[in-house]
Amino acid sequence: MSFFNPEKLQTAQKANLDLLQQISGKVFASVEQLSQLQFKALRDSTEEHFEGVRKLLAVRDPQGFAELQASFTQPGAQGERLAEFNRQVQALIVDTQSDIAKLTSSQVESGTRQVEEFVETLSKNAPAGSEPIVAAFKSGLANAGTVFEGAQKAAKQAADVAQSGFEAASAARGKAAPETSGKASSGNK
């Protein structure tokens, strides 16, 4: 009896190729979305700068210039757009990471089952006296699975912590912006 099953190997190779194609598709879609976000931010920023130059060219007296200059120093819309851009990028990263983790998780489970089947076949056909070696191999396989699960959980927790930290920073920035703009406008009057 042969331990090597070419049909199972071919099936595993096809599954891995399909997984790689799915991951590549997700990465390309995410890069495309990121490019669109960056392009929109660049376009909005350019329009804002042109609008600022138009306002500057329309100024006719020193008081108008002082008022225009004061309006440029207030955080307002630019800070909000930057925070929104950062939220969208963070959401894109989290979604991509989550989708890739789901895809790879199912493939790892399938691979683990195949290895377990191989080990079972090997243990059934092992010569007498090799039980300790087979047991050590099974134990190593179980430990590797535990390590992988721990790494997956740690990666998910790290992503969750990063997301909650970003949300907290965005909320704090949102609360600080009205206070800052109120101070800036009262000091310029």
Protein backbone atom coordinates (compact mmCIF):
# COMPACT_ATOMS: atom_id res chain seq x y z
CA MET A 1 0.00 0.00 0.00
CA SER A 2 1.25 3.47 -0.85
CA PHE A 3 1.18 6.38 1.59
CA PHE A 4 1.26 8.82 -1.30
CA ASN A 5 -2.08 9.58 -2.98
CA PRO A 6 -1.54 11.64 -6.15
CA GLU A 7 -5.25 12.54 -6.46
CA LYS A 8 -5.26 14.09 -2.98
CA LEU A 9 -2.06 15.98 -3.77
CA GLN A 10 -3.53 17.30 -7.01
CA THR A 11 -6.75 18.31 -5.23
CA ALA A 12 -4.72 20.11 -2.55
CA GLN A 13 -2.65 21.92 -5.19
CA LYS A 14 -5.81 23.07 -6.98
CA ALA A 15 -7.31 24.25 -3.70
CA ASN A 16 -4.13 26.18 -2.90
CA LEU A 17 -4.14 27.77 -6.34
CA ASP A 18 -7.79 28.77 -5.92
CA LEU A 19 -6.98 30.24 -2.50
CA LEU A 20 -4.06 32.21 -3.93
CA GLN A 21 -6.30 33.53 -6.70
CA GLN A 22 -8.98 34.58 -4.17
CA ILE A 23 -6.41 36.31 -1.96
CA SER A 24 -4.86 38.06 -4.96
CA GLY A 25 -8.30 39.21 -6.09
CA LYS A 26 -9.06 40.60 -2.63
CA VAL A 27 -5.70 42.38 -2.44
CA PHE A 28 -6.12 43.90 -5.91
CA ALA A 29 -9.67 45.04 -5.07
CA SER A 30 -8.40 46.63 -1.85
CA VAL A 31 -5.53 48.38 -3.64
CA GLU A 32 -8.02 49.67 -6.19
CA GLN A 33 -10.28 51.01 -3.42
CA LEU A 34 -7.28 52.61 -1.69
CA SER A 35 -6.24 54.26 -4.95
CA GLN A 36 -9.75 55.63 -5.39
CA LEU A 37 -9.71 57.01 -1.84
CA GLN A 38 -6.34 58.65 -2.45
CA PHE A 39 -7.44 60.09 -5.78
CA LYS A 40 -10.60 61.54 -4.23
CA ALA A 41 -8.59 63.05 -1.37
CA LEU A 42 -6.12 64.57 -3.83
CA ARG A 43 -8.91 65.98 -5.97
CA ASP A 44 -10.71 67.47 -2.95
CA SER A 45 -7.47 68.95 -1.60
CA THR A 46 -6.62 70.47 -4.98
CA GLU A 47 -10.08 72.02 -5.25
CA GLU A 48 -9.74 73.44 -1.74
CA HIS A 49 -6.37 75.00 -2.60
CA PHE A 50 -7.72 76.56 -5.80
CA GLU A 51 -10.69 77.90 -3.87
CA GLY A 52 -8.28 79.41 -1.33
CA VAL A 53 -6.29 81.10 -4.09
CA ARG A 54 -9.54 82.44 -5.63
CA LYS A 55 -10.53 83.91 -2.26
CA LEU A 56 -7.06 85.41 -1.87
CA LEU A 57 -7.27 87.04 -5.29
CA ALA A 58 -10.67 88.47 -4.39
CA VAL A 59 -9.36 90.30 -1.28
CA ARG A 60 -9.42 94.08 -1.70
CA ASP A 61 -8.36 95.46 1.69
CA PRO A 62 -6.17 94.58 4.71
CA GLN A 63 -9.18 93.71 6.90
CA GLY A 64 -10.42 91.21 4.28
CA PHE A 65 -6.92 89.72 4.11
CA ALA A 66 -6.82 89.33 7.92
CA GLU A 67 -10.24 87.63 7.94
CA LEU A 68 -9.20 85.30 5.13
CA GLN A 69 -5.97 84.45 6.91
CA ALA A 70 -7.89 83.70 10.13
CA SER A 71 -10.23 81.35 8.23
CA PHE A 72 -7.23 79.39 6.91
CA THR A 73 -5.86 78.77 10.41
CA GLN A 74 -9.07 77.20 11.74
CA PRO A 75 -8.98 73.38 11.65
CA GLY A 76 -12.52 72.86 10.32
CA ALA A 77 -13.17 70.95 7.14
CA GLN A 78 -9.62 69.90 6.30
CA GLY A 79 -9.16 68.09 9.61
CA GLU A 80 -12.53 66.41 9.27
CA ARG A 81 -11.70 65.24 5.75
CA LEU A 82 -8.37 63.86 6.95
CA ALA A 83 -10.06 62.01 9.82
CA GLU A 84 -12.69 60.59 7.43
CA PHE A 85 -9.98 59.51 4.99
CA ASN A 86 -8.13 57.77 7.82
CA ARG A 87 -11.34 56.04 8.97
CA GLN A 88 -12.00 54.77 5.44
CA VAL A 89 -8.43 53.50 5.04
CA GLN A 90 -8.57 51.80 8.44
CA ALA A 91 -11.91 50.15 7.56
CA LEU A 92 -10.46 48.96 4.25
CA ILE A 93 -7.43 47.46 5.98
CA VAL A 94 -9.54 45.72 8.61
CA ASP A 95 -11.96 44.32 6.00
CA THR A 96 -9.12 43.06 3.81
CA GLN A 97 -7.33 41.46 6.74
CA SER A 98 -10.54 39.83 7.91
CA ASP A 99 -11.39 38.45 4.47
CA ILE A 100 -7.90 37.05 3.96
CA ALA A 101 -7.94 35.49 7.44
CA LYS A 102 -11.24 33.76 6.65
CA LEU A 103 -9.90 32.45 3.35
CA THR A 104 -6.66 31.14 4.82
CA SER A 105 -8.36 29.71 7.88
CA SER A 106 -10.52 27.36 5.83
CA GLN A 107 -7.51 26.28 3.77
CA VAL A 108 -5.43 25.62 6.88
CA GLU A 109 -8.26 23.53 8.35
CA SER A 110 -8.41 21.48 5.15
CA GLY A 111 -4.64 21.01 5.13
CA THR A 112 -4.69 20.00 8.77
CA ARG A 113 -7.33 17.35 8.06
CA GLN A 114 -5.22 15.99 5.21
CA VAL A 115 -2.13 15.79 7.40
CA GLU A 116 -4.14 14.07 10.14
CA GLU A 117 -5.43 11.53 7.61
CA PHE A 118 -1.85 10.91 6.46
CA VAL A 119 -0.68 10.42 10.04
CA GLU A 120 -3.54 7.98 10.70
CA THR A 121 -2.65 6.00 7.59
CA LEU A 122 1.00 6.06 8.59
CA SER A 123 0.25 4.91 12.14
CA LYS A 124 -1.93 2.04 10.93
CA ASN A 125 0.81 0.79 8.65
CA ALA A 126 3.79 1.55 10.89
CA PRO A 127 6.00 -1.36 11.94
CA ALA A 128 5.77 -2.72 15.44
CA GLY A 129 7.68 -0.66 18.01
CA SER A 130 7.24 2.68 16.23
CA GLU A 131 4.28 3.75 18.38
CA PRO A 132 6.34 6.30 20.39
CA ILE A 133 7.52 7.99 17.19
CA VAL A 134 3.98 8.14 15.79
CA ALA A 135 2.69 9.48 19.13
CA ALA A 136 5.40 12.17 19.14
CA PHE A 137 4.51 13.11 15.57
CA LYS A 138 0.80 13.38 16.50
CA SER A 139 1.70 15.45 19.53
CA GLY A 140 3.83 17.78 17.42
CA LEU A 141 0.99 18.15 14.95
CA ALA A 142 -1.46 19.00 17.75
CA ASN A 143 1.00 21.54 19.18
CA ALA A 144 1.44 23.18 15.78
CA GLY A 145 -2.34 23.48 15.46
CA THR A 146 -2.54 25.09 18.89
CA VAL A 147 0.22 27.56 18.01
CA PHE A 148 -1.54 28.46 14.75
CA GLU A 149 -4.87 29.03 16.55
CA GLY A 150 -3.09 31.18 19.14
CA ALA A 151 -1.42 33.24 16.41
CA GLN A 152 -4.77 33.71 14.65
CA LYS A 153 -6.42 34.88 17.88
CA ALA A 154 -3.52 37.23 18.62
CA ALA A 155 -3.69 38.74 15.13
CA LYS A 156 -7.45 39.27 15.47
CA GLN A 157 -7.02 40.85 18.90
CA ALA A 158 -4.28 43.14 17.56
CA ALA A 159 -6.55 44.23 14.70
CA ASP A 160 -9.41 44.84 17.15
CA VAL A 161 -7.16 46.87 19.48
CA ALA A 162 -5.84 48.93 16.55
CA GLN A 163 -9.39 49.57 15.34
CA SER A 164 -10.67 50.61 18.77
CA GLY A 165 -7.59 52.81 19.30
CA PHE A 166 -8.18 54.50 15.97
CA GLU A 167 -11.87 55.02 16.79
CA ALA A 168 -10.96 56.49 20.20
CA ALA A 169 -8.41 58.83 18.61
CA SER A 170 -10.96 59.92 16.01
CA ALA A 171 -13.57 60.57 18.69
CA ALA A 172 -11.06 62.55 20.77
CA ARG A 173 -10.05 64.57 17.72
CA GLY A 174 -13.72 65.25 16.96
CA LYS A 175 -14.27 66.55 20.50
CA ALA A 176 -11.10 68.67 20.44
CA ALA A 177 -11.81 70.32 17.07
CA PRO A 178 -14.80 72.43 18.21
CA GLU A 179 -12.88 73.61 21.29
CA THR A 180 -9.84 74.56 19.19
CA SER A 181 -11.86 76.40 16.55
CA GLY A 182 -13.79 78.24 19.26
CA LYS A 183 -10.54 79.41 20.86
CA ALA A 184 -9.05 80.40 17.50
CA SER A 185 -12.08 82.44 16.46
CA SER A 186 -12.38 84.20 19.82
CA GLY A 187 -8.69 85.13 19.74
CA ASN A 188 -8.90 86.62 16.23
CA LYS A 189 -11.76 89.03 16.91
